């Protein structure tokens, strides 16, 4: 089915202003080409996260750090998931978010 072939994993790293990876930050879709369920990823000890974009289109990712587990702050990124992106990087896009 075409929808399942369009799914792309969006991976990335969240860092603070000094470049240090942020543990325990919440990364979620805040906008997309279709209604999205409330799905969030939590960054690991190296600040890494992974979310699955269900179809092609433009997505907005927002990151919110928990001030109790690291530096406070937010970051936002716009990601375009296109069929041509899948050809270059099969099933995966990479995003860097820096808290500000």
N, C-alpha and C. Protein backbone atom coordinates (compact mmCIF):
# COMPACT_ATOMS: atom_id res chain seq x y z
N UNK A 1 0.84 -1.18 0.00
CA UNK A 1 0.00 0.00 0.00
C UNK A 1 0.88 1.24 0.00
N UNK A 2 0.51 2.28 -0.72
CA UNK A 2 1.33 3.46 -0.88
C UNK A 2 1.59 4.18 0.43
N UNK A 3 0.61 4.27 1.34
CA UNK A 3 0.79 4.96 2.61
C UNK A 3 1.91 4.37 3.44
N UNK A 4 2.03 3.03 3.47
CA UNK A 4 3.08 2.43 4.28
C UNK A 4 4.45 2.66 3.67
N UNK A 5 4.54 2.76 2.33
CA UNK A 5 5.82 3.04 1.70
C UNK A 5 6.26 4.47 1.95
N UNK A 6 5.31 5.36 2.26
CA UNK A 6 5.63 6.76 2.48
C UNK A 6 6.16 7.03 3.88
N UNK A 7 5.93 6.12 4.82
CA UNK A 7 6.37 6.36 6.20
C UNK A 7 7.89 6.54 6.24
N UNK A 8 8.31 7.57 6.95
CA UNK A 8 9.73 7.89 7.07
C UNK A 8 10.06 8.09 8.54
N UNK A 9 11.15 7.50 8.96
CA UNK A 9 11.62 7.70 10.33
C UNK A 9 12.41 8.99 10.40
N UNK A 10 12.01 9.87 11.31
CA UNK A 10 12.73 11.12 11.54
C UNK A 10 13.54 10.94 12.81
N UNK A 11 14.84 10.97 12.67
CA UNK A 11 15.73 10.80 13.83
C UNK A 11 16.50 12.09 14.03
N UNK A 12 17.01 12.27 15.22
CA UNK A 12 17.79 13.46 15.46
C UNK A 12 18.39 13.51 16.84
N UNK A 13 18.98 14.65 17.12
CA UNK A 13 19.64 14.89 18.40
C UNK A 13 19.21 16.26 18.91
N UNK A 14 18.94 16.34 20.20
CA UNK A 14 18.63 17.61 20.85
C UNK A 14 19.85 18.01 21.66
N UNK A 15 20.30 19.25 21.48
CA UNK A 15 21.47 19.76 22.20
C UNK A 15 21.10 21.09 22.87
N UNK A 16 21.85 21.43 23.92
CA UNK A 16 21.66 22.74 24.52
C UNK A 16 22.52 23.75 23.76
N UNK A 17 22.49 25.00 24.18
CA UNK A 17 23.21 26.06 23.47
C UNK A 17 24.72 25.82 23.40
N UNK A 18 25.26 25.06 24.36
CA UNK A 18 26.70 24.80 24.35
C UNK A 18 27.06 23.56 23.54
N UNK A 19 26.04 22.86 22.98
CA UNK A 19 26.30 21.68 22.17
C UNK A 19 26.22 20.37 22.92
N UNK A 20 25.89 20.42 24.20
CA UNK A 20 25.77 19.20 25.01
C UNK A 20 24.43 18.52 24.74
N UNK A 21 24.43 17.19 24.50
CA UNK A 21 23.15 16.48 24.29
C UNK A 21 22.25 16.61 25.51
N UNK A 22 20.94 16.73 25.25
CA UNK A 22 19.95 16.91 26.31
C UNK A 22 19.18 15.60 26.51
N UNK A 23 19.23 15.07 27.71
CA UNK A 23 18.51 13.85 28.09
C UNK A 23 17.11 14.21 28.57
N UNK A 24 16.12 13.41 28.19
CA UNK A 24 14.77 13.56 28.73
C UNK A 24 13.95 14.68 28.14
N UNK A 25 14.33 15.21 26.97
CA UNK A 25 13.53 16.24 26.31
C UNK A 25 12.40 15.56 25.53
N UNK A 26 11.26 16.21 25.44
CA UNK A 26 10.10 15.70 24.70
C UNK A 26 10.12 16.29 23.29
N UNK A 27 10.08 15.42 22.27
CA UNK A 27 10.02 15.86 20.88
C UNK A 27 8.71 15.34 20.31
N UNK A 28 7.93 16.24 19.70
CA UNK A 28 6.63 15.83 19.18
C UNK A 28 6.28 16.58 17.91
N UNK A 29 5.33 16.00 17.14
CA UNK A 29 4.79 16.68 15.98
C UNK A 29 3.77 17.70 16.48
N UNK A 30 3.89 18.96 16.05
CA UNK A 30 2.88 19.96 16.39
C UNK A 30 2.08 20.38 15.17
N UNK A 31 2.50 19.94 13.98
CA UNK A 31 1.74 20.21 12.77
C UNK A 31 2.16 19.21 11.71
N UNK A 32 1.26 18.92 10.80
CA UNK A 32 1.56 17.98 9.73
C UNK A 32 0.51 18.04 8.64
N UNK A 33 0.68 17.23 7.58
CA UNK A 33 -0.24 17.25 6.45
C UNK A 33 -1.60 16.62 6.74
N UNK A 34 -1.72 15.96 7.86
CA UNK A 34 -2.97 15.33 8.28
C UNK A 34 -3.01 15.36 9.80
N UNK A 35 -4.19 15.17 10.41
CA UNK A 35 -4.24 15.12 11.87
C UNK A 35 -3.31 14.01 12.39
N UNK A 36 -2.56 14.34 13.43
CA UNK A 36 -1.60 13.39 14.00
C UNK A 36 -1.99 13.05 15.43
N UNK A 37 -1.81 11.79 15.81
CA UNK A 37 -2.05 11.44 17.21
C UNK A 37 -1.00 12.11 18.09
N UNK A 38 -1.33 12.24 19.36
CA UNK A 38 -0.37 12.82 20.31
C UNK A 38 0.73 11.81 20.58
N UNK A 39 1.77 11.88 19.76
CA UNK A 39 2.91 10.98 19.91
C UNK A 39 4.13 11.83 20.19
N UNK A 40 4.86 11.47 21.23
CA UNK A 40 6.09 12.19 21.56
C UNK A 40 7.20 11.19 21.79
N UNK A 41 8.41 11.62 21.49
CA UNK A 41 9.59 10.81 21.77
C UNK A 41 10.33 11.50 22.91
N UNK A 42 10.99 10.71 23.72
CA UNK A 42 11.81 11.21 24.81
C UNK A 42 13.26 10.97 24.42
N UNK A 43 14.10 12.00 24.54
CA UNK A 43 15.50 11.82 24.16
C UNK A 43 16.23 10.92 25.15
N UNK A 44 17.20 10.17 24.62
CA UNK A 44 17.98 9.25 25.45
C UNK A 44 19.19 9.98 26.06
N UNK A 45 20.11 9.24 26.63
CA UNK A 45 21.27 9.81 27.31
C UNK A 45 22.18 10.60 26.37
N UNK A 46 22.12 10.32 25.05
CA UNK A 46 22.91 11.06 24.07
C UNK A 46 22.09 12.10 23.34
N UNK A 47 20.86 12.39 23.84
CA UNK A 47 20.00 13.39 23.23
C UNK A 47 19.29 12.93 21.97
N UNK A 48 19.35 11.63 21.66
CA UNK A 48 18.76 11.11 20.42
C UNK A 48 17.27 10.84 20.58
N UNK A 49 16.54 11.00 19.44
CA UNK A 49 15.11 10.69 19.41
C UNK A 49 14.76 10.11 18.04
N UNK A 50 13.56 9.52 17.96
CA UNK A 50 13.07 8.97 16.71
C UNK A 50 11.55 9.06 16.69
N UNK A 51 11.00 9.58 15.59
CA UNK A 51 9.55 9.66 15.38
C UNK A 51 9.27 9.17 13.96
N UNK A 52 8.10 8.60 13.75
CA UNK A 52 7.74 8.12 12.42
C UNK A 52 6.70 9.04 11.79
N UNK A 53 7.05 9.61 10.62
CA UNK A 53 6.12 10.42 9.84
C UNK A 53 5.31 9.47 8.96
N UNK A 54 3.99 9.43 9.13
CA UNK A 54 3.19 8.42 8.45
C UNK A 54 3.04 8.61 6.95
N UNK A 55 3.26 9.81 6.43
CA UNK A 55 3.07 10.06 5.01
C UNK A 55 3.94 11.23 4.58
N UNK A 56 4.00 11.48 3.28
CA UNK A 56 4.77 12.62 2.80
C UNK A 56 4.08 13.92 3.20
N UNK A 57 4.84 15.00 3.23
CA UNK A 57 4.30 16.31 3.58
C UNK A 57 5.26 17.08 4.46
N UNK A 58 4.79 18.21 4.95
CA UNK A 58 5.60 19.08 5.80
C UNK A 58 5.15 18.90 7.25
N UNK A 59 6.10 18.63 8.12
CA UNK A 59 5.84 18.42 9.55
C UNK A 59 6.59 19.46 10.36
N UNK A 60 5.98 19.90 11.45
CA UNK A 60 6.66 20.76 12.41
C UNK A 60 6.94 19.93 13.65
N UNK A 61 8.21 19.89 14.04
CA UNK A 61 8.63 19.21 15.27
C UNK A 61 8.91 20.27 16.32
N UNK A 62 8.44 20.02 17.52
CA UNK A 62 8.74 20.91 18.63
C UNK A 62 9.39 20.10 19.74
N UNK A 63 10.39 20.68 20.35
CA UNK A 63 11.10 20.03 21.45
C UNK A 63 10.93 20.89 22.69
N UNK A 64 10.59 20.23 23.78
CA UNK A 64 10.48 20.92 25.07
C UNK A 64 11.32 20.16 26.08
N UNK A 65 12.27 20.84 26.67
CA UNK A 65 13.12 20.20 27.67
C UNK A 65 12.50 20.37 29.05
N UNK A 66 12.66 19.37 29.86
CA UNK A 66 12.17 19.39 31.24
C UNK A 66 13.24 20.02 32.11
N UNK A 67 12.98 21.18 32.71
CA UNK A 67 14.01 21.84 33.53
C UNK A 67 14.44 21.03 34.75
N UNK A 68 13.64 20.02 35.14
CA UNK A 68 14.03 19.18 36.27
C UNK A 68 15.10 18.16 35.89
N UNK A 69 15.19 17.82 34.58
CA UNK A 69 16.17 16.81 34.18
C UNK A 69 17.26 17.38 33.28
N UNK A 70 17.26 18.67 33.06
CA UNK A 70 18.29 19.27 32.21
C UNK A 70 18.02 20.75 32.02
N UNK A 71 18.68 21.35 31.05
CA UNK A 71 18.49 22.78 30.82
C UNK A 71 17.10 23.05 30.26
N UNK A 72 16.43 24.13 30.70
CA UNK A 72 15.11 24.46 30.16
C UNK A 72 15.26 25.02 28.75
N UNK A 73 14.20 24.95 27.99
CA UNK A 73 14.22 25.55 26.66
C UNK A 73 13.31 24.83 25.70
N UNK A 74 13.12 25.44 24.54
CA UNK A 74 12.34 24.84 23.47
C UNK A 74 13.09 25.00 22.16
N UNK A 75 12.73 24.18 21.19
CA UNK A 75 13.29 24.28 19.85
C UNK A 75 12.22 23.81 18.88
N UNK A 76 12.30 24.30 17.65
CA UNK A 76 11.33 23.90 16.65
C UNK A 76 12.05 23.70 15.32
N UNK A 77 11.56 22.74 14.53
CA UNK A 77 12.12 22.49 13.21
C UNK A 77 10.99 22.10 12.27
N UNK A 78 11.13 22.49 11.00
CA UNK A 78 10.19 22.07 9.97
C UNK A 78 10.90 21.05 9.10
N UNK A 79 10.22 19.93 8.88
CA UNK A 79 10.80 18.82 8.12
C UNK A 79 9.89 18.52 6.94
N UNK A 80 10.46 18.41 5.75
CA UNK A 80 9.69 18.07 4.56
C UNK A 80 9.99 16.62 4.20
N UNK A 81 8.96 15.78 4.25
CA UNK A 81 9.09 14.36 3.90
C UNK A 81 8.57 14.21 2.47
N UNK A 82 9.47 13.91 1.56
CA UNK A 82 9.13 13.77 0.14
C UNK A 82 9.59 12.42 -0.37
N UNK A 83 8.95 11.91 -1.43
CA UNK A 83 9.41 10.65 -2.02
C UNK A 83 10.87 10.72 -2.45
N UNK A 84 11.33 11.88 -2.95
CA UNK A 84 12.73 12.01 -3.37
C UNK A 84 13.68 11.89 -2.18
N UNK A 85 13.23 12.32 -0.99
CA UNK A 85 14.07 12.19 0.21
C UNK A 85 14.25 10.72 0.56
N UNK A 86 13.21 9.93 0.32
CA UNK A 86 13.31 8.50 0.61
C UNK A 86 14.32 7.82 -0.30
N UNK A 87 14.43 8.28 -1.54
CA UNK A 87 15.39 7.68 -2.46
C UNK A 87 16.82 7.97 -2.00
N UNK A 88 17.05 9.19 -1.50
CA UNK A 88 18.39 9.57 -1.07
C UNK A 88 18.76 8.92 0.26
N UNK A 89 17.83 8.91 1.19
CA UNK A 89 18.05 8.33 2.51
C UNK A 89 16.88 7.40 2.78
N UNK A 90 16.96 6.16 2.38
CA UNK A 90 15.80 5.27 2.45
C UNK A 90 15.16 5.22 3.83
N UNK A 91 13.94 5.76 3.93
CA UNK A 91 13.16 5.64 5.15
C UNK A 91 13.66 6.41 6.34
N UNK A 92 14.56 7.39 6.15
CA UNK A 92 15.11 8.09 7.32
C UNK A 92 15.52 9.52 6.98
N UNK A 93 15.15 10.45 7.86
CA UNK A 93 15.59 11.84 7.78
C UNK A 93 16.22 12.20 9.12
N UNK A 94 17.23 13.07 9.09
CA UNK A 94 17.94 13.43 10.32
C UNK A 94 17.72 14.91 10.62
N UNK A 95 17.47 15.24 11.91
CA UNK A 95 17.19 16.59 12.35
C UNK A 95 18.05 16.90 13.58
N UNK A 96 18.60 18.10 13.61
CA UNK A 96 19.33 18.59 14.79
C UNK A 96 18.51 19.71 15.41
N UNK A 97 18.20 19.62 16.70
CA UNK A 97 17.45 20.65 17.41
C UNK A 97 18.35 21.22 18.52
N UNK A 98 18.42 22.55 18.59
CA UNK A 98 19.20 23.22 19.63
C UNK A 98 18.25 24.05 20.48
N UNK A 99 18.27 23.79 21.78
CA UNK A 99 17.39 24.51 22.70
C UNK A 99 17.79 25.96 22.78
N UNK A 100 16.79 26.83 22.83
CA UNK A 100 17.06 28.25 22.91
C UNK A 100 16.23 28.91 23.96
